[in-house]
Amino acid sequence: MIVTTTATVEGHSVQRYCGIVAGEAVLGANLFKDLFAGLRDLVGGRSATYERELQNARELALEEMQQKARAAGANAVIGVDLDYEVLGQANGMLMVSASGTAVVITPNS
């Protein structure tokens, strides 16, 4: 399935719009991850733990969005937008949402 942030897919025409689709992933960061990430922040550098969590949440949200697009009969999602939020007490949860327009596209002749 083609997934793009653009409104069109080069070399393809939109034949049918199937509607807006979205996927969300909410992940909690546990105490040990927070502790080690905090230590990393004190000494500087990147937090590989949080980077992996963020990547995992993004992949989950995009996959859920694609599943909904397939269920709607689409073969592509255009105009995809990714949003990131922290939730919960003390910002202990990470939410990633992906949304876009499910469409049926065909190659241009």
PDB file of N, CA and C in Angstrom:
ATOM      1  N   MET A   1       0.844  -1.173   0.000  1.00  0.00           N
ATOM      2  CA  MET A   1       0.000   0.000   0.000  1.00  0.00           C
ATOM      3  C   MET A   1       0.887   1.233   0.000  1.00  0.00           C
ATOM      4  N   ILE A   2       0.548   2.184  -0.858  1.00  0.00           N
ATOM      5  CA  ILE A   2       1.274   3.447  -0.898  1.00  0.00           C
ATOM      6  C   ILE A   2       0.720   4.360   0.191  1.00  0.00           C
ATOM      7  N   VAL A   3       1.609   4.917   0.996  1.00  0.00           N
ATOM      8  CA  VAL A   3       1.246   5.856   2.057  1.00  0.00           C
ATOM      9  C   VAL A   3       2.122   7.082   1.866  1.00  0.00           C
ATOM     10  N   THR A   4       1.485   8.245   1.723  1.00  0.00           N
ATOM     11  CA  THR A   4       2.257   9.449   1.446  1.00  0.00           C
ATOM     12  C   THR A   4       1.651  10.667   2.130  1.00  0.00           C
ATOM     13  N   THR A   5       2.508  11.619   2.452  1.00  0.00           N
ATOM     14  CA  THR A   5       2.040  12.864   3.042  1.00  0.00           C
ATOM     15  C   THR A   5       1.524  13.828   1.983  1.00  0.00           C
ATOM     16  N   THR A   6       1.776  13.529   0.729  1.00  0.00           N
ATOM     17  CA  THR A   6       1.345  14.409  -0.347  1.00  0.00           C
ATOM     18  C   THR A   6      -0.110  14.138  -0.720  1.00  0.00           C
ATOM     19  N   ALA A   7      -0.701  15.084  -1.455  1.00  0.00           N
ATOM     20  CA  ALA A   7      -2.108  14.950  -1.859  1.00  0.00           C
ATOM     21  C   ALA A   7      -2.277  14.122  -3.126  1.00  0.00           C
ATOM     22  N   THR A   8      -1.181  13.826  -3.799  1.00  0.00           N
ATOM     23  CA  THR A   8      -1.225  13.033  -5.026  1.00  0.00           C
ATOM     24  C   THR A   8      -0.081  12.027  -5.004  1.00  0.00           C
ATOM     25  N   VAL A   9      -0.190  11.036  -5.876  1.00  0.00           N
ATOM     26  CA  VAL A   9       0.890  10.068  -6.060  1.00  0.00           C
ATOM     27  C   VAL A   9       1.345  10.207  -7.498  1.00  0.00           C
ATOM     28  N   GLU A  10       2.598  10.561  -7.687  1.00  0.00           N
ATOM     29  CA  GLU A  10       3.121  10.786  -9.026  1.00  0.00           C
ATOM     30  C   GLU A  10       2.896   9.561  -9.907  1.00  0.00           C
ATOM     31  N   GLY A  11       2.370   9.810 -11.116  1.00  0.00           N
ATOM     32  CA  GLY A  11       2.148   8.734 -12.066  1.00  0.00           C
ATOM     33  C   GLY A  11       0.866   7.953 -11.830  1.00  0.00           C
ATOM     34  N   HIS A  12       0.037   8.404 -10.881  1.00  0.00           N
ATOM     35  CA  HIS A  12      -1.211   7.718 -10.552  1.00  0.00           C
ATOM     36  C   HIS A  12      -2.361   8.723 -10.492  1.00  0.00           C
ATOM     37  N   SER A  13      -3.551   8.228 -10.733  1.00  0.00           N
ATOM     38  CA  SER A  13      -4.763   9.039 -10.606  1.00  0.00           C
ATOM     39  C   SER A  13      -5.652   8.457  -9.521  1.00  0.00           C
ATOM     40  N   VAL A  14      -6.294   9.345  -8.773  1.00  0.00           N
ATOM     41  CA  VAL A  14      -7.251   8.904  -7.763  1.00  0.00           C
ATOM     42  C   VAL A  14      -8.544   8.544  -8.486  1.00  0.00           C
ATOM     43  N   GLN A  15      -8.979   7.309  -8.317  1.00  0.00           N
ATOM     44  CA  GLN A  15     -10.215   6.837  -8.934  1.00  0.00           C
ATOM     45  C   GLN A  15     -11.400   6.944  -7.982  1.00  0.00           C
ATOM     46  N   ARG A  16     -11.119   6.795  -6.678  1.00  0.00           N
ATOM     47  CA  ARG A  16     -12.208   6.819  -5.704  1.00  0.00           C
ATOM     48  C   ARG A  16     -11.655   7.208  -4.340  1.00  0.00           C
ATOM     49  N   TYR A  17     -12.402   8.054  -3.654  1.00  0.00           N
ATOM     50  CA  TYR A  17     -12.078   8.426  -2.278  1.00  0.00           C
ATOM     51  C   TYR A  17     -12.881   7.527  -1.349  1.00  0.00           C
ATOM     52  N   CYS A  18     -12.211   6.896  -0.407  1.00  0.00           N
ATOM     53  CA  CYS A  18     -12.865   5.945   0.504  1.00  0.00           C
ATOM     54  C   CYS A  18     -13.112   6.520   1.888  1.00  0.00           C
ATOM     55  N   GLY A  19     -12.626   7.717   2.152  1.00  0.00           N
ATOM     56  CA  GLY A  19     -12.853   8.362   3.435  1.00  0.00           C
ATOM     57  C   GLY A  19     -11.584   8.559   4.244  1.00  0.00           C
ATOM     58  N   ILE A  20     -11.760   9.222   5.347  1.00  0.00           N
ATOM     59  CA  ILE A  20     -10.643   9.499   6.257  1.00  0.00           C
ATOM     60  C   ILE A  20     -10.404   8.268   7.125  1.00  0.00           C
ATOM     61  N   VAL A  21      -9.145   7.923   7.291  1.00  0.00           N
ATOM     62  CA  VAL A  21      -8.766   6.800   8.145  1.00  0.00           C
ATOM     63  C   VAL A  21      -7.733   7.296   9.157  1.00  0.00           C
ATOM     64  N   ALA A  22      -7.715   6.647  10.309  1.00  0.00           N
ATOM     65  CA  ALA A  22      -6.771   7.042  11.360  1.00  0.00           C
ATOM     66  C   ALA A  22      -6.324   5.826  12.140  1.00  0.00           C
ATOM     67  N   GLY A  23      -5.162   5.935  12.721  1.00  0.00           N
ATOM     68  CA  GLY A  23      -4.632   4.908  13.610  1.00  0.00           C
ATOM     69  C   GLY A  23      -3.957   5.593  14.779  1.00  0.00           C
ATOM     70  N   GLU A  24      -4.093   5.010  15.933  1.00  0.00           N
ATOM     71  CA  GLU A  24      -3.478   5.571  17.138  1.00  0.00           C
ATOM     72  C   GLU A  24      -2.698   4.505  17.878  1.00  0.00           C
ATOM     73  N   ALA A  25      -1.660   4.943  18.537  1.00  0.00           N
ATOM     74  CA  ALA A  25      -0.882   4.063  19.402  1.00  0.00           C
ATOM     75  C   ALA A  25      -0.554   4.853  20.665  1.00  0.00           C
ATOM     76  N   VAL A  26      -0.889   4.281  21.806  1.00  0.00           N
ATOM     77  CA  VAL A  26      -0.572   4.907  23.091  1.00  0.00           C
ATOM     78  C   VAL A  26       0.323   3.936  23.841  1.00  0.00           C
ATOM     79  N   LEU A  27       1.497   4.401  24.196  1.00  0.00           N
ATOM     80  CA  LEU A  27       2.464   3.563  24.897  1.00  0.00           C
ATOM     81  C   LEU A  27       2.867   4.226  26.202  1.00  0.00           C
ATOM     82  N   GLY A  28       3.021   3.418  27.224  1.00  0.00           N
ATOM     83  CA  GLY A  28       3.483   3.921  28.507  1.00  0.00           C
ATOM     84  C   GLY A  28       4.961   3.679  28.661  1.00  0.00           C
ATOM     85  N   ALA A  29       5.643   4.625  29.263  1.00  0.00           N
ATOM     86  CA  ALA A  29       7.065   4.458  29.544  1.00  0.00           C
ATOM     87  C   ALA A  29       7.186   3.971  30.986  1.00  0.00           C
ATOM     88  N   ASN A  30       7.884   2.858  31.167  1.00  0.00           N
ATOM     89  CA  ASN A  30       7.971   2.324  32.532  1.00  0.00           C
ATOM     90  C   ASN A  30       9.057   3.014  33.349  1.00  0.00           C
ATOM     91  N   LEU A  31       9.068   2.736  34.626  1.00  0.00           N
ATOM     92  CA  LEU A  31       9.956   3.409  35.563  1.00  0.00           C
ATOM     93  C   LEU A  31      11.430   3.253  35.196  1.00  0.00           C
ATOM     94  N   PHE A  32      11.851   2.039  34.806  1.00  0.00           N
ATOM     95  CA  PHE A  32      13.271   1.829  34.497  1.00  0.00           C
ATOM     96  C   PHE A  32      13.690   2.587  33.246  1.00  0.00           C
ATOM     97  N   LYS A  33      12.827   2.591  32.237  1.00  0.00           N
ATOM     98  CA  LYS A  33      13.145   3.359  31.031  1.00  0.00           C
ATOM     99  C   LYS A  33      13.260   4.834  31.377  1.00  0.00           C
ATOM    100  N   ASP A  34      12.332   5.338  32.202  1.00  0.00           N
ATOM    101  CA  ASP A  34      12.382   6.746  32.604  1.00  0.00           C
ATOM    102  C   ASP A  34      13.668   7.057  33.353  1.00  0.00           C
ATOM    103  N   LEU A  35      14.059   6.163  34.244  1.00  0.00           N
ATOM    104  CA  LEU A  35      15.267   6.363  35.031  1.00  0.00           C
ATOM    105  C   LEU A  35      16.495   6.455  34.121  1.00  0.00           C
ATOM    106  N   PHE A  36      16.641   5.493  33.215  1.00  0.00           N
ATOM    107  CA  PHE A  36      17.815   5.494  32.338  1.00  0.00           C
ATOM    108  C   PHE A  36      17.788   6.642  31.348  1.00  0.00           C
ATOM    109  N   ALA A  37      16.615   6.996  30.869  1.00  0.00           N
ATOM    110  CA  ALA A  37      16.511   8.144  29.970  1.00  0.00           C
ATOM    111  C   ALA A  37      16.867   9.424  30.720  1.00  0.00           C
ATOM    112  N   GLY A  38      16.448   9.510  31.989  1.00  0.00           N
ATOM    113  CA  GLY A  38      16.786  10.674  32.801  1.00  0.00           C
ATOM    114  C   GLY A  38      18.281  10.801  33.006  1.00  0.00           C
ATOM    115  N   LEU A  39      18.950   9.667  33.253  1.00  0.00           N
ATOM    116  CA  LEU A  39      20.408   9.686  33.396  1.00  0.00           C
ATOM    117  C   LEU A  39      21.070  10.138  32.100  1.00  0.00           C
ATOM    118  N   ARG A  40      20.544   9.663  30.974  1.00  0.00           N
ATOM    119  CA  ARG A  40      21.101  10.060  29.677  1.00  0.00           C
ATOM    120  C   ARG A  40      20.941  11.563  29.479  1.00  0.00           C
ATOM    121  N   ASP A  41      19.774  12.099  29.896  1.00  0.00           N
ATOM    122  CA  ASP A  41      19.536  13.529  29.761  1.00  0.00           C
ATOM    123  C   ASP A  41      20.495  14.334  30.627  1.00  0.00           C
ATOM    124  N   LEU A  42      20.870  13.801  31.809  1.00  0.00           N
ATOM    125  CA  LEU A  42      21.795  14.507  32.697  1.00  0.00           C
ATOM    126  C   LEU A  42      23.187  14.617  32.086  1.00  0.00           C
ATOM    127  N   VAL A  43      23.633  13.563  31.435  1.00  0.00           N
ATOM    128  CA  VAL A  43      24.993  13.568  30.888  1.00  0.00           C
ATOM    129  C   VAL A  43      25.013  13.975  29.425  1.00  0.00           C
ATOM    130  N   GLY A  44      23.866  14.212  28.853  1.00  0.00           N
ATOM    131  CA  GLY A  44      23.796  14.639  27.458  1.00  0.00           C
ATOM    132  C   GLY A  44      23.688  13.443  26.523  1.00  0.00           C
ATOM    133  N   GLY A  45      23.393  13.723  25.294  1.00  0.00           N
ATOM    134  CA  GLY A  45      23.273  12.669  24.297  1.00  0.00           C
ATOM    135  C   GLY A  45      21.832  12.338  23.996  1.00  0.00           C
ATOM    136  N   ARG A  46      21.656  11.407  23.127  1.00  0.00           N
ATOM    137  CA  ARG A  46      20.325  11.002  22.697  1.00  0.00           C
ATOM    138  C   ARG A  46      19.838   9.840  23.554  1.00  0.00           C
ATOM    139  N   SER A  47      18.529   9.780  23.738  1.00  0.00           N
ATOM    140  CA  SER A  47      17.930   8.690  24.494  1.00  0.00           C
ATOM    141  C   SER A  47      17.443   7.630  23.510  1.00  0.00           C
ATOM    142  N   ALA A  48      18.264   6.609  23.310  1.00  0.00           N
ATOM    143  CA  ALA A  48      17.918   5.538  22.367  1.00  0.00           C
ATOM    144  C   ALA A  48      16.644   4.819  22.797  1.00  0.00           C
ATOM    145  N   THR A  49      16.406   4.732  24.103  1.00  0.00           N
ATOM    146  CA  THR A  49      15.206   4.069  24.613  1.00  0.00           C
ATOM    147  C   THR A  49      13.961   4.791  24.136  1.00  0.00           C
ATOM    148  N   TYR A  50      13.914   6.095  24.319  1.00  0.00           N
ATOM    149  CA  TYR A  50      12.744   6.852  23.879  1.00  0.00           C
ATOM    150  C   TYR A  50      12.637   6.896  22.367  1.00  0.00           C
ATOM    151  N   GLU A  51      13.754   6.952  21.681  1.00  0.00           N
ATOM    152  CA  GLU A  51      13.713   6.937  20.219  1.00  0.00           C
ATOM    153  C   GLU A  51      13.082   5.645  19.706  1.00  0.00           C
ATOM    154  N   ARG A  52      13.430   4.509  20.331  1.00  0.00           N
ATOM    155  CA  ARG A  52      12.830   3.228  19.933  1.00  0.00           C
ATOM    156  C   ARG A  52      11.340   3.204  20.236  1.00  0.00           C
ATOM    157  N   GLU A  53      10.949   3.717  21.402  1.00  0.00           N
ATOM    158  CA  GLU A  53       9.528   3.767  21.760  1.00  0.00           C
ATOM    159  C   GLU A  53       8.751   4.637  20.778  1.00  0.00           C
ATOM    160  N   LEU A  54       9.314   5.767  20.427  1.00  0.00           N
ATOM    161  CA  LEU A  54       8.663   6.674  19.483  1.00  0.00           C
ATOM    162  C   LEU A  54       8.527   6.024  18.111  1.00  0.00           C
ATOM    163  N   GLN A  55       9.569   5.370  17.644  1.00  0.00           N
ATOM    164  CA  GLN A  55       9.524   4.673  16.361  1.00  0.00           C
ATOM    165  C   GLN A  55       8.480   3.558  16.391  1.00  0.00           C
ATOM    166  N   ASN A  56       8.437   2.796  17.468  1.00  0.00           N
ATOM    167  CA  ASN A  56       7.469   1.710  17.603  1.00  0.00           C
ATOM    168  C   ASN A  56       6.043   2.249  17.570  1.00  0.00           C
ATOM    169  N   ALA A  57       5.781   3.322  18.302  1.00  0.00           N
ATOM    170  CA  ALA A  57       4.443   3.914  18.327  1.00  0.00           C
ATOM    171  C   ALA A  57       4.042   4.428  16.949  1.00  0.00           C
ATOM    172  N   ARG A  58       4.970   5.048  16.254  1.00  0.00           N
ATOM    173  CA  ARG A  58       4.687   5.555  14.901  1.00  0.00           C
ATOM    174  C   ARG A  58       4.347   4.412  13.962  1.00  0.00           C
ATOM    175  N   GLU A  59       5.118   3.329  14.002  1.00  0.00           N
ATOM    176  CA  GLU A  59       4.860   2.176  13.139  1.00  0.00           C
ATOM    177  C   GLU A  59       3.511   1.536  13.446  1.00  0.00           C
ATOM    178  N   LEU A  60       3.150   1.436  14.725  1.00  0.00           N
ATOM    179  CA  LEU A  60       1.862   0.870  15.110  1.00  0.00           C
ATOM    180  C   LEU A  60       0.706   1.728  14.591  1.00  0.00           C
ATOM    181  N   ALA A  61       0.816   3.046  14.750  1.00  0.00           N
ATOM    182  CA  ALA A  61      -0.244   3.954  14.295  1.00  0.00           C
ATOM    183  C   ALA A  61      -0.402   3.883  12.780  1.00  0.00           C
ATOM    184  N   LEU A  62       0.706   3.859  12.044  1.00  0.00           N
ATOM    185  CA  LEU A  62       0.636   3.781  10.580  1.00  0.00           C
ATOM    186  C   LEU A  62       0.050   2.445  10.124  1.00  0.00           C
ATOM    187  N   GLU A  63       0.414   1.368  10.791  1.00  0.00           N
ATOM    188  CA  GLU A  63      -0.118   0.051  10.418  1.00  0.00           C
ATOM    189  C   GLU A  63      -1.622  -0.021  10.671  1.00  0.00           C
ATOM    190  N   GLU A  64      -2.072   0.508  11.801  1.00  0.00           N
ATOM    191  CA  GLU A  64      -3.509   0.513  12.086  1.00  0.00           C
ATOM    192  C   GLU A  64      -4.264   1.339  11.040  1.00  0.00           C
ATOM    193  N   MET A  65      -3.702   2.484  10.664  1.00  0.00           N
ATOM    194  CA  MET A  65      -4.322   3.327   9.644  1.00  0.00           C
ATOM    195  C   MET A  65      -4.422   2.581   8.314  1.00  0.00           C
ATOM    196  N   GLN A  66      -3.357   1.867   7.935  1.00  0.00           N
ATOM    197  CA  GLN A  66      -3.367   1.106   6.683  1.00  0.00           C
ATOM    198  C   GLN A  66      -4.389  -0.027   6.726  1.00  0.00           C
ATOM    199  N   GLN A  67      -4.525  -0.689   7.868  1.00  0.00           N
ATOM    200  CA  GLN A  67      -5.524  -1.753   8.000  1.00  0.00           C
ATOM    201  C   GLN A  67      -6.926  -1.207   7.785  1.00  0.00           C
ATOM    202  N   LYS A  68      -7.204  -0.043   8.331  1.00  0.00           N
ATOM    203  CA  LYS A  68      -8.515   0.579   8.148  1.00  0.00           C
ATOM    204  C   LYS A  68      -8.724   0.983   6.690  1.00  0.00           C
ATOM    205  N   ALA A  69      -7.660   1.437   6.032  1.00  0.00           N
ATOM    206  CA  ALA A  69      -7.768   1.798   4.621  1.00  0.00           C
ATOM    207  C   ALA A  69      -8.074   0.564   3.772  1.00  0.00           C
ATOM    208  N   ARG A  70      -7.380  -0.545   4.049  1.00  0.00           N
ATOM    209  CA  ARG A  70      -7.656  -1.796   3.325  1.00  0.00           C
ATOM    210  C   ARG A  70      -9.105  -2.236   3.521  1.00  0.00           C
ATOM    211  N   ALA A  71      -9.577  -2.133   4.757  1.00  0.00           N
ATOM    212  CA  ALA A  71     -10.959  -2.523   5.069  1.00  0.00           C
ATOM    213  C   ALA A  71     -11.964  -1.659   4.312  1.00  0.00           C
ATOM    214  N   ALA A  72     -11.588  -0.433   3.985  1.00  0.00           N
ATOM    215  CA  ALA A  72     -12.457   0.470   3.229  1.00  0.00           C
ATOM    216  C   ALA A  72     -12.335   0.262   1.726  1.00  0.00           C
ATOM    217  N   GLY A  73     -11.464  -0.658   1.311  1.00  0.00           N
ATOM    218  CA  GLY A  73     -11.292  -0.946  -0.101  1.00  0.00           C
ATOM    219  C   GLY A  73     -10.235  -0.105  -0.805  1.00  0.00           C
ATOM    220  N   ALA A  74      -9.418   0.585  -0.040  1.00  0.00           N
ATOM    221  CA  ALA A  74      -8.392   1.464  -0.613  1.00  0.00           C
ATOM    222  C   ALA A  74      -7.097   0.706  -0.889  1.00  0.00           C
ATOM    223  N   ASN A  75      -6.293   1.281  -1.789  1.00  0.00           N
ATOM    224  CA  ASN A  75      -4.958   0.738  -2.036  1.00  0.00           C
ATOM    225  C   ASN A  75      -3.871   1.779  -1.780  1.00  0.00           C
ATOM    226  N   ALA A  76      -4.270   2.939  -1.225  1.00  0.00           N
ATOM    227  CA  ALA A  76      -3.313   3.984  -0.883  1.00  0.00           C
ATOM    228  C   ALA A  76      -3.929   4.905   0.154  1.00  0.00           C
ATOM    229  N   VAL A  77      -3.063   5.615   0.866  1.00  0.00           N
ATOM    230  CA  VAL A  77      -3.508   6.656   1.797  1.00  0.00           C
ATOM    231  C   VAL A  77      -2.699   7.899   1.457  1.00  0.00           C
ATOM    232  N   ILE A  78      -3.404   8.989   1.166  1.00  0.00           N
ATOM    233  CA  ILE A  78      -2.735  10.241   0.814  1.00  0.00           C
ATOM    234  C   ILE A  78      -2.987  11.288   1.895  1.00  0.00           C
ATOM    235  N   GLY A  79      -2.165  12.343   1.884  1.00  0.00           N
ATOM    236  CA  GLY A  79      -2.332  13.431   2.841  1.00  0.00           C
ATOM    237  C   GLY A  79      -2.132  13.003   4.276  1.00  0.00           C
ATOM    238  N   VAL A  80      -1.218  12.081   4.510  1.00  0.00           N
ATOM    239  CA  VAL A  80      -1.012  11.537   5.856  1.00  0.00           C
ATOM    240  C   VAL A  80      -0.395  12.594   6.774  1.00  0.00           C
ATOM    241  N   ASP A  81      -0.939  12.660   7.984  1.00  0.00           N
ATOM    242  CA  ASP A  81      -0.438  13.565   9.010  1.00  0.00           C
ATOM    243  C   ASP A  81      -0.128  12.746  10.253  1.00  0.00           C
ATOM    244  N   LEU A  82       1.019  12.984  10.845  1.00  0.00           N
ATOM    245  CA  LEU A  82       1.415  12.321  12.088  1.00  0.00           C
ATOM    246  C   LEU A  82       1.413  13.347  13.213  1.00  0.00           C
ATOM    247  N   ASP A  83       0.784  12.992  14.329  1.00  0.00           N
ATOM    248  CA  ASP A  83       0.762  13.863  15.503  1.00  0.00           C
ATOM    249  C   ASP A  83       1.315  13.105  16.692  1.00  0.00           C
ATOM    250  N   TYR A  84       2.031  13.816  17.549  1.00  0.00           N
ATOM    251  CA  TYR A  84       2.645  13.235  18.738  1.00  0.00           C
ATOM    252  C   TYR A  84       2.173  14.020  19.955  1.00  0.00           C
ATOM    253  N   GLU A  85       1.757  13.306  21.003  1.00  0.00           N
ATOM    254  CA  GLU A  85       1.294  13.945  22.231  1.00  0.00           C
ATOM    255  C   GLU A  85       1.770  13.134  23.431  1.00  0.00           C
ATOM    256  N   VAL A  86       1.942  13.818  24.549  1.00  0.00           N
ATOM    257  CA  VAL A  86       2.175  13.126  25.810  1.00  0.00           C
ATOM    258  C   VAL A  86       0.895  13.230  26.627  1.00  0.00           C
ATOM    259  N   LEU A  87       0.554  12.150  27.319  1.00  0.00           N
ATOM    260  CA  LEU A  87      -0.708  12.059  28.044  1.00  0.00           C
ATOM    261  C   LEU A  87      -0.478  11.535  29.451  1.00  0.00           C
ATOM    262  N   GLY A  88      -1.517  11.618  30.268  1.00  0.00           N
ATOM    263  CA  GLY A  88      -1.508  10.985  31.573  1.00  0.00           C
ATOM    264  C   GLY A  88      -0.842  11.820  32.645  1.00  0.00           C
ATOM    265  N   GLN A  89      -0.923  11.275  33.861  1.00  0.00           N
ATOM    266  CA  GLN A  89      -0.280  11.945  34.981  1.00  0.00           C
ATOM    267  C   GLN A  89       1.212  11.988  34.747  1.00  0.00           C
ATOM    268  N   ALA A  90       1.788  13.140  34.990  1.00  0.00           N
ATOM    269  CA  ALA A  90       3.235  13.343  34.842  1.00  0.00           C
ATOM    270  C   ALA A  90       3.705  13.006  33.433  1.00  0.00           C
ATOM    271  N   ASN A  91       2.803  13.140  32.461  1.00  0.00           N
ATOM    272  CA  ASN A  91       3.153  12.883  31.055  1.00  0.00           C
ATOM    273  C   ASN A  91       3.784  11.514  30.862  1.00  0.00           C
ATOM    274  N   GLY A  92       3.199  10.492  31.496  1.00  0.00           N
ATOM    275  CA  GLY A  92       3.764   9.150  31.464  1.00  0.00           C
ATOM    276  C   GLY A  92       3.387   8.307  30.263  1.00  0.00           C
ATOM    277  N   MET A  93       2.578   8.845  29.363  1.00  0.00           N
ATOM    278  CA  MET A  93       2.143   8.086  28.193  1.00  0.00           C
ATOM    279  C   MET A  93       2.490   8.873  26.935  1.00  0.00           C
ATOM    280  N   LEU A  94       2.790   8.143  25.880  1.00  0.00           N
ATOM    281  CA  LEU A  94       3.080   8.742  24.581  1.00  0.00           C
ATOM    282  C   LEU A  94       2.010   8.287  23.600  1.00  0.00           C
ATOM    283  N   MET A  95       1.397   9.239  22.891  1.00  0.00           N
ATOM    284  CA  MET A  95       0.412   8.899  21.869  1.00  0.00           C
ATOM    285  C   MET A  95       0.899   9.404  20.524  1.00  0.00           C
ATOM    286  N   VAL A  96       0.820   8.515  19.543  1.00  0.00           N
ATOM    287  CA  VAL A  96       1.093   8.887  18.169  1.00  0.00           C
ATOM    288  C   VAL A  96      -0.166   8.588  17.378  1.00  0.00           C
ATOM    289  N   SER A  97      -0.626   9.566  16.605  1.00  0.00           N
ATOM    290  CA  SER A  97      -1.783   9.322  15.755  1.00  0.00           C
ATOM    291  C   SER A  97      -1.396   9.611  14.311  1.00  0.00           C
ATOM    292  N   ALA A  98      -1.912   8.780  13.416  1.00  0.00           N
ATOM    293  CA  ALA A  98      -1.690   8.935  11.986  1.00  0.00           C
ATOM    294  C   ALA A  98      -3.055   9.003  11.324  1.00  0.00           C
ATOM    295  N   SER A  99      -3.254   9.978  10.455  1.00  0.00           N
ATOM    296  CA  SER A  99      -4.520  10.078   9.745  1.00  0.00           C
ATOM    297  C   SER A  99      -4.256  10.502   8.307  1.00  0.00           C
ATOM    298  N   GLY A 100      -5.181  10.126   7.439  1.00  0.00           N
ATOM    299  CA  GLY A 100      -5.055  10.475   6.040  1.00  0.00           C
ATOM    300  C   GLY A 100      -6.323  10.103   5.298  1.00  0.00           C
ATOM    301  N   THR A 101      -6.304  10.272   3.991  1.00  0.00           N
ATOM    302  CA  THR A 101      -7.453   9.952   3.152  1.00  0.00           C
ATOM    303  C   THR A 101      -7.181   8.660   2.413  1.00  0.00           C
ATOM    304  N   ALA A 102      -8.052   7.684   2.638  1.00  0.00           N
ATOM    305  CA  ALA A 102      -7.947   6.396   1.950  1.00  0.00           C
ATOM    306  C   ALA A 102      -8.494   6.557   0.541  1.00  0.00           C
ATOM    307  N   VAL A 103      -7.739   6.094  -0.450  1.00  0.00           N
ATOM    308  CA  VAL A 103      -8.143   6.243  -1.845  1.00  0.00           C
ATOM    309  C   VAL A 103      -7.822   4.986  -2.638  1.00  0.00           C
ATOM    310  N   VAL A 104      -8.476   4.884  -3.790  1.00  0.00           N
ATOM    311  CA  VAL A 104      -8.117   3.866  -4.782  1.00  0.00           C
ATOM    312  C   VAL A 104      -7.411   4.618  -5.901  1.00  0.00           C
ATOM    313  N   ILE A 105      -6.169   4.223  -6.180  1.00  0.00           N
ATOM    314  CA  ILE A 105      -5.418   4.860  -7.255  1.00  0.00           C
ATOM    315  C   ILE A 105      -5.105   3.845  -8.338  1.00  0.00           C
ATOM    316  N   THR A 106      -4.908   4.356  -9.557  1.00  0.00           N
ATOM    317  CA  THR A 106      -4.489   3.522 -10.691  1.00  0.00           C
ATOM    318  C   THR A 106      -3.375   4.256 -11.426  1.00  0.00           C
ATOM    319  N   PRO A 107      -2.456   3.504 -12.030  1.00  0.00           N
ATOM    320  CA  PRO A 107      -1.387   4.147 -12.792  1.00  0.00           C
ATOM    321  C   PRO A 107      -1.958   4.912 -13.993  1.00  0.00           C
ATOM    322  N   ASN A 108      -1.334   6.044 -14.286  1.00  0.00           N
ATOM    323  CA  ASN A 108      -1.701   6.785 -15.491  1.00  0.00           C
ATOM    324  C   ASN A 108      -1.250   6.010 -16.709  1.00  0.00           C
ATOM    325  N   SER A 109      -2.019   6.091 -17.758  1.00  0.00           N
ATOM    326  CA  SER A 109      -1.667   5.384 -19.002  1.00  0.00           C
ATOM    327  C   SER A 109      -0.606   6.096 -19.779  1.00  0.00           C
TER     328      SER A 109
END
